[in-house]
PDB file of all heavy atoms in Angstrom:
ATOM      1  N   LYS A   1      87.140 105.360  95.232  1.00  0.00           N
ATOM      2  CA  LYS A   1      87.256 104.856  93.865  1.00  0.00           C
ATOM      3  C   LYS A   1      88.341 105.605  93.117  1.00  0.00           C
ATOM      4  O   LYS A   1      89.169 104.988  92.413  1.00  0.00           O
ATOM      5  CB  LYS A   1      85.917 104.996  93.141  1.00  0.00           C
ATOM      6  CG  LYS A   1      85.965 104.610  91.660  1.00  0.00           C
ATOM      7  CD  LYS A   1      84.637 104.884  90.979  1.00  0.00           C
ATOM      8  CE  LYS A   1      84.705 104.587  89.492  1.00  0.00           C
ATOM      9  NZ  LYS A   1      83.417 104.866  88.797  1.00  0.00           N
ATOM     10  N   THR A   2      88.375 106.905  93.250  1.00  0.00           N
ATOM     11  CA  THR A   2      89.397 107.721  92.587  1.00  0.00           C
ATOM     12  C   THR A   2      90.793 107.298  93.022  1.00  0.00           C
ATOM     13  O   THR A   2      91.711 107.158  92.199  1.00  0.00           O
ATOM     14  CB  THR A   2      89.183 109.209  92.900  1.00  0.00           C
ATOM     15  OG1 THR A   2      87.877 109.597  92.441  1.00  0.00           O
ATOM     16  CG2 THR A   2      90.234 110.067  92.221  1.00  0.00           C
ATOM     17  N   LYS A   3      90.962 107.076  94.312  1.00  0.00           N
ATOM     18  CA  LYS A   3      92.261 106.675  94.844  1.00  0.00           C
ATOM     19  C   LYS A   3      92.673 105.306  94.320  1.00  0.00           C
ATOM     20  O   LYS A   3      93.826 105.099  93.913  1.00  0.00           O
ATOM     21  CB  LYS A   3      92.220 106.667  96.370  1.00  0.00           C
ATOM     22  CG  LYS A   3      93.536 106.274  97.019  1.00  0.00           C
ATOM     23  CD  LYS A   3      93.448 106.364  98.541  1.00  0.00           C
ATOM     24  CE  LYS A   3      94.765 105.962  99.194  1.00  0.00           C
ATOM     25  NZ  LYS A   3      94.713 106.058 100.678  1.00  0.00           N
ATOM     26  N   VAL A   4      91.748 104.366  94.295  1.00  0.00           N
ATOM     27  CA  VAL A   4      92.055 103.012  93.846  1.00  0.00           C
ATOM     28  C   VAL A   4      92.393 102.996  92.357  1.00  0.00           C
ATOM     29  O   VAL A   4      93.354 102.333  91.927  1.00  0.00           O
ATOM     30  CB  VAL A   4      90.877 102.062  94.143  1.00  0.00           C
ATOM     31  CG1 VAL A   4      91.040 100.733  93.413  1.00  0.00           C
ATOM     32  CG2 VAL A   4      90.767 101.821  95.639  1.00  0.00           C
ATOM     33  N   LYS A   5      91.632 103.717  91.558  1.00  0.00           N
ATOM     34  CA  LYS A   5      91.892 103.735  90.124  1.00  0.00           C
ATOM     35  C   LYS A   5      93.244 104.369  89.821  1.00  0.00           C
ATOM     36  O   LYS A   5      93.931 103.986  88.874  1.00  0.00           O
ATOM     37  CB  LYS A   5      90.775 104.479  89.391  1.00  0.00           C
ATOM     38  CG  LYS A   5      89.443 103.750  89.415  1.00  0.00           C
ATOM     39  CD  LYS A   5      88.430 104.379  88.469  1.00  0.00           C
ATOM     40  CE  LYS A   5      88.789 104.107  87.025  1.00  0.00           C
ATOM     41  NZ  LYS A   5      87.739 104.582  86.092  1.00  0.00           N
ATOM     42  N   SER A   6      93.638 105.333  90.652  1.00  0.00           N
ATOM     43  CA  SER A   6      94.932 105.984  90.453  1.00  0.00           C
ATOM     44  C   SER A   6      96.083 105.084  90.875  1.00  0.00           C
ATOM     45  O   SER A   6      97.108 104.993  90.188  1.00  0.00           O
ATOM     46  CB  SER A   6      94.977 107.291  91.246  1.00  0.00           C
ATOM     47  OG  SER A   6      96.254 107.888  91.162  1.00  0.00           O
ATOM     48  N   ALA A   7      95.913 104.403  92.005  1.00  0.00           N
ATOM     49  CA  ALA A   7      97.005 103.591  92.551  1.00  0.00           C
ATOM     50  C   ALA A   7      97.039 102.173  92.001  1.00  0.00           C
ATOM     51  O   ALA A   7      98.093 101.521  92.013  1.00  0.00           O
ATOM     52  CB  ALA A   7      96.896 103.540  94.072  1.00  0.00           C
ATOM     53  N   CYS A   8      95.888 101.677  91.541  1.00  0.00           N
ATOM     54  CA  CYS A   8      95.799 100.267  91.130  1.00  0.00           C
ATOM     55  C   CYS A   8      95.291 100.116  89.710  1.00  0.00           C
ATOM     56  O   CYS A   8      94.639  99.116  89.373  1.00  0.00           O
ATOM     57  CB  CYS A   8      94.893  99.501  92.090  1.00  0.00           C
ATOM     58  SG  CYS A   8      95.308  99.691  93.829  1.00  0.00           S
ATOM     59  N   GLY A   9      95.569 101.090  88.884  1.00  0.00           N
ATOM     60  CA  GLY A   9      95.056 101.078  87.522  1.00  0.00           C
ATOM     61  C   GLY A   9      95.532  99.908  86.692  1.00  0.00           C
ATOM     62  O   GLY A   9      94.897  99.534  85.694  1.00  0.00           O
ATOM     63  N   ASP A  10      96.652  99.303  87.085  1.00  0.00           N
ATOM     64  CA  ASP A  10      97.192  98.182  86.320  1.00  0.00           C
ATOM     65  C   ASP A  10      96.622  96.838  86.753  1.00  0.00           C
ATOM     66  O   ASP A  10      96.911  95.805  86.154  1.00  0.00           O
ATOM     67  CB  ASP A  10      98.720  98.149  86.461  1.00  0.00           C
ATOM     68  CG  ASP A  10      99.164  98.056  87.914  1.00  0.00           C
ATOM     69  OD1 ASP A  10      98.413  98.528  88.784  1.00  0.00           O
ATOM     70  OD2 ASP A  10     100.271  97.525  88.163  1.00  0.00           O
ATOM     71  N   LEU A  11      95.799  96.860  87.781  1.00  0.00           N
ATOM     72  CA  LEU A  11      95.203  95.621  88.270  1.00  0.00           C
ATOM     73  C   LEU A  11      93.917  95.303  87.514  1.00  0.00           C
ATOM     74  O   LEU A  11      93.333  96.163  86.854  1.00  0.00           O
ATOM     75  CB  LEU A  11      94.907  95.724  89.769  1.00  0.00           C
ATOM     76  CG  LEU A  11      96.100  95.957  90.692  1.00  0.00           C
ATOM     77  CD1 LEU A  11      95.626  96.031  92.151  1.00  0.00           C
ATOM     78  CD2 LEU A  11      97.143  94.857  90.526  1.00  0.00           C
ATOM     79  N   SER A  12      93.462  94.071  87.645  1.00  0.00           N
ATOM     80  CA  SER A  12      92.207  93.670  87.012  1.00  0.00           C
ATOM     81  C   SER A  12      91.038  94.353  87.715  1.00  0.00           C
ATOM     82  O   SER A  12      91.176  94.874  88.827  1.00  0.00           O
ATOM     83  CB  SER A  12      92.035  92.145  87.089  1.00  0.00           C
ATOM     84  OG  SER A  12      91.842  91.739  88.447  1.00  0.00           O
ATOM     85  N   PHE A  13      89.879  94.317  87.069  1.00  0.00           N
ATOM     86  CA  PHE A  13      88.686  94.930  87.655  1.00  0.00           C
ATOM     87  C   PHE A  13      88.367  94.290  88.988  1.00  0.00           C
ATOM     88  O   PHE A  13      88.062  94.975  89.969  1.00  0.00           O
ATOM     89  CB  PHE A  13      87.507  94.786  86.693  1.00  0.00           C
ATOM     90  CG  PHE A  13      86.227  95.359  87.217  1.00  0.00           C
ATOM     91  CD1 PHE A  13      85.969  96.728  87.129  1.00  0.00           C
ATOM     92  CD2 PHE A  13      85.254  94.542  87.796  1.00  0.00           C
ATOM     93  CE1 PHE A  13      84.779  97.264  87.617  1.00  0.00           C
ATOM     94  CE2 PHE A  13      84.071  95.060  88.280  1.00  0.00           C
ATOM     95  CZ  PHE A  13      83.843  96.432  88.182  1.00  0.00           C
ATOM     96  N   ALA A  14      88.447  92.953  89.071  1.00  0.00           N
ATOM     97  CA  ALA A  14      88.147  92.249  90.324  1.00  0.00           C
ATOM     98  C   ALA A  14      89.117  92.653  91.425  1.00  0.00           C
ATOM     99  O   ALA A  14      88.711  92.839  92.584  1.00  0.00           O
ATOM    100  CB  ALA A  14      88.194  90.742  90.096  1.00  0.00           C
ATOM    101  N   GLU A  15      90.385  92.796  91.081  1.00  0.00           N
ATOM    102  CA  GLU A  15      91.387  93.200  92.077  1.00  0.00           C
ATOM    103  C   GLU A  15      91.165  94.627  92.537  1.00  0.00           C
ATOM    104  O   GLU A  15      91.342  94.951  93.718  1.00  0.00           O
ATOM    105  CB  GLU A  15      92.786  93.028  91.495  1.00  0.00           C
ATOM    106  CG  GLU A  15      93.195  91.583  91.282  1.00  0.00           C
ATOM    107  CD  GLU A  15      94.500  91.438  90.518  1.00  0.00           C
ATOM    108  OE1 GLU A  15      94.737  92.254  89.584  1.00  0.00           O
ATOM    109  OE2 GLU A  15      95.277  90.525  90.843  1.00  0.00           O
ATOM    110  N   GLN A  16      90.767  95.479  91.624  1.00  0.00           N
ATOM    111  CA  GLN A  16      90.452  96.857  92.003  1.00  0.00           C
ATOM    112  C   GLN A  16      89.252  96.897  92.938  1.00  0.00           C
ATOM    113  O   GLN A  16      89.229  97.670  93.898  1.00  0.00           O
ATOM    114  CB  GLN A  16      90.186  97.703  90.752  1.00  0.00           C
ATOM    115  CG  GLN A  16      91.414  97.977  89.911  1.00  0.00           C
ATOM    116  CD  GLN A  16      91.122  98.871  88.718  1.00  0.00           C
ATOM    117  OE1 GLN A  16      90.465  99.899  88.852  1.00  0.00           O
ATOM    118  NE2 GLN A  16      91.610  98.489  87.554  1.00  0.00           N
ATOM    119  N   CYS A  17      88.267  96.048  92.680  1.00  0.00           N
ATOM    120  CA  CYS A  17      87.097  95.997  93.557  1.00  0.00           C
ATOM    121  C   CYS A  17      87.500  95.565  94.960  1.00  0.00           C
ATOM    122  O   CYS A  17      87.009  96.108  95.959  1.00  0.00           O
ATOM    123  CB  CYS A  17      86.047  95.038  92.990  1.00  0.00           C
ATOM    124  SG  CYS A  17      85.122  95.680  91.578  1.00  0.00           S
ATOM    125  N   THR A  18      88.395  94.591  95.056  1.00  0.00           N
ATOM    126  CA  THR A  18      88.864  94.139  96.366  1.00  0.00           C
ATOM    127  C   THR A  18      89.555  95.272  97.112  1.00  0.00           C
ATOM    128  O   THR A  18      89.329  95.465  98.313  1.00  0.00           O
ATOM    129  CB  THR A  18      89.825  92.948  96.216  1.00  0.00           C
ATOM    130  OG1 THR A  18      89.120  91.858  95.619  1.00  0.00           O
ATOM    131  CG2 THR A  18      90.355  92.509  97.568  1.00  0.00           C
ATOM    132  N   SER A  19      90.381  96.026  96.409  1.00  0.00           N
ATOM    133  CA  SER A  19      91.049  97.172  97.042  1.00  0.00           C
ATOM    134  C   SER A  19      90.034  98.226  97.462  1.00  0.00           C
ATOM    135  O   SER A  19      90.145  98.814  98.550  1.00  0.00           O
ATOM    136  CB  SER A  19      92.064  97.783  96.069  1.00  0.00           C
ATOM    137  OG  SER A  19      93.104  96.873  95.781  1.00  0.00           O
ATOM    138  N   LEU A  20      89.034  98.438  96.618  1.00  0.00           N
ATOM    139  CA  LEU A  20      88.020  99.443  96.923  1.00  0.00           C
ATOM    140  C   LEU A  20      87.160  99.029  98.109  1.00  0.00           C
ATOM    141  O   LEU A  20      86.705  99.875  98.884  1.00  0.00           O
ATOM    142  CB  LEU A  20      87.149  99.694  95.691  1.00  0.00           C
ATOM    143  CG  LEU A  20      86.086 100.791  95.809  1.00  0.00           C
ATOM    144  CD1 LEU A  20      86.703 102.114  96.244  1.00  0.00           C
ATOM    145  CD2 LEU A  20      85.350 100.959  94.484  1.00  0.00           C
ATOM    146  N   GLU A  21      86.934  97.741  98.273  1.00  0.00           N
ATOM    147  CA  GLU A  21      86.148  97.258  99.421  1.00  0.00           C
ATOM    148  C   GLU A  21      86.772  97.695 100.734  1.00  0.00           C
ATOM    149  O   GLU A  21      86.061  97.977 101.711  1.00  0.00           O
ATOM    150  CB  GLU A  21      86.040  95.732  99.360  1.00  0.00           C
ATOM    151  CG  GLU A  21      85.100  95.231  98.272  1.00  0.00           C
ATOM    152  CD  GLU A  21      85.289  93.763  97.936  1.00  0.00           C
ATOM    153  OE1 GLU A  21      86.211  93.138  98.489  1.00  0.00           O
ATOM    154  OE2 GLU A  21      84.509  93.241  97.119  1.00  0.00           O
ATOM    155  N   LYS A  22      88.094  97.778 100.772  1.00  0.00           N
ATOM    156  CA  LYS A  22      88.788  98.202 101.981  1.00  0.00           C
ATOM    157  C   LYS A  22      88.931  99.717 102.040  1.00  0.00           C
ATOM    158  O   LYS A  22      88.750 100.330 103.096  1.00  0.00           O
ATOM    159  CB  LYS A  22      90.160  97.535 102.055  1.00  0.00           C
ATOM    160  CG  LYS A  22      90.097  96.017 102.106  1.00  0.00           C
ATOM    161  CD  LYS A  22      91.472  95.381 102.108  1.00  0.00           C
ATOM    162  CE  LYS A  22      91.388  93.866 102.125  1.00  0.00           C
ATOM    163  NZ  LYS A  22      92.725  93.220 102.109  1.00  0.00           N
ATOM    164  N   GLU A  23      89.262 100.329 100.912  1.00  0.00           N
ATOM    165  CA  GLU A  23      89.469 101.778 100.903  1.00  0.00           C
ATOM    166  C   GLU A  23      88.175 102.533 101.186  1.00  0.00           C
ATOM    167  O   GLU A  23      88.191 103.602 101.804  1.00  0.00           O
ATOM    168  CB  GLU A  23      90.041 102.212  99.553  1.00  0.00           C
ATOM    169  CG  GLU A  23      90.606 103.624  99.547  1.00  0.00           C
ATOM    170  CD  GLU A  23      91.704 103.831 100.573  1.00  0.00           C
ATOM    171  OE1 GLU A  23      92.570 102.943 100.708  1.00  0.00           O
ATOM    172  OE2 GLU A  23      91.671 104.882 101.263  1.00  0.00           O
ATOM    173  N   ALA A  24      87.050 101.976 100.769  1.00  0.00           N
ATOM    174  CA  ALA A  24      85.763 102.614 101.054  1.00  0.00           C
ATOM    175  C   ALA A  24      85.489 102.648 102.548  1.00  0.00           C
ATOM    176  O   ALA A  24      84.844 103.570 103.055  1.00  0.00           O
ATOM    177  CB  ALA A  24      84.639 101.875 100.324  1.00  0.00           C
ATOM    178  N   VAL A  25      85.971 101.651 103.265  1.00  0.00           N
ATOM    179  CA  VAL A  25      85.836 101.642 104.725  1.00  0.00           C
ATOM    180  C   VAL A  25      86.550 102.851 105.308  1.00  0.00           C
ATOM    181  O   VAL A  25      86.035 103.531 106.211  1.00  0.00           O
ATOM    182  CB  VAL A  25      86.404 100.336 105.313  1.00  0.00           C
ATOM    183  CG1 VAL A  25      86.507 100.433 106.835  1.00  0.00           C
ATOM    184  CG2 VAL A  25      85.520  99.158 104.921  1.00  0.00           C
ATOM    185  N   ASN A  26      87.747 103.164 104.798  1.00  0.00           N
ATOM    186  CA  ASN A  26      88.497 104.307 105.304  1.00  0.00           C
ATOM    187  C   ASN A  26      87.783 105.626 105.032  1.00  0.00           C
ATOM    188  O   ASN A  26      87.809 106.542 105.859  1.00  0.00           O
ATOM    189  CB  ASN A  26      89.897 104.326 104.697  1.00  0.00           C
ATOM    190  CG  ASN A  26      90.759 103.190 105.187  1.00  0.00           C
ATOM    191  OD1 ASN A  26      90.555 102.672 106.279  1.00  0.00           O
ATOM    192  ND2 ASN A  26      91.727 102.768 104.365  1.00  0.00           N
ATOM    193  N   VAL A  27      87.137 105.720 103.873  1.00  0.00           N
ATOM    194  CA  VAL A  27      86.362 106.930 103.584  1.00  0.00           C
ATOM    195  C   VAL A  27      85.207 107.069 104.566  1.00  0.00           C
ATOM    196  O   VAL A  27      84.913 108.152 105.063  1.00  0.00           O
ATOM    197  CB  VAL A  27      85.846 106.908 102.126  1.00  0.00           C
ATOM    198  CG1 VAL A  27      84.825 108.025 101.897  1.00  0.00           C
ATOM    199  CG2 VAL A  27      87.004 107.063 101.152  1.00  0.00           C
TER     200      VAL A  27
END
C-alpha cells in the first residue's frame, strides 16, 4: 500500500486498488 500510494498517488482510488491487487502479490 505504501509503495502504491507513493508511485500512483495521482490515480483514482479504483486504479490504486487495481495496482495494489498486484503489488500485494509481490509482498
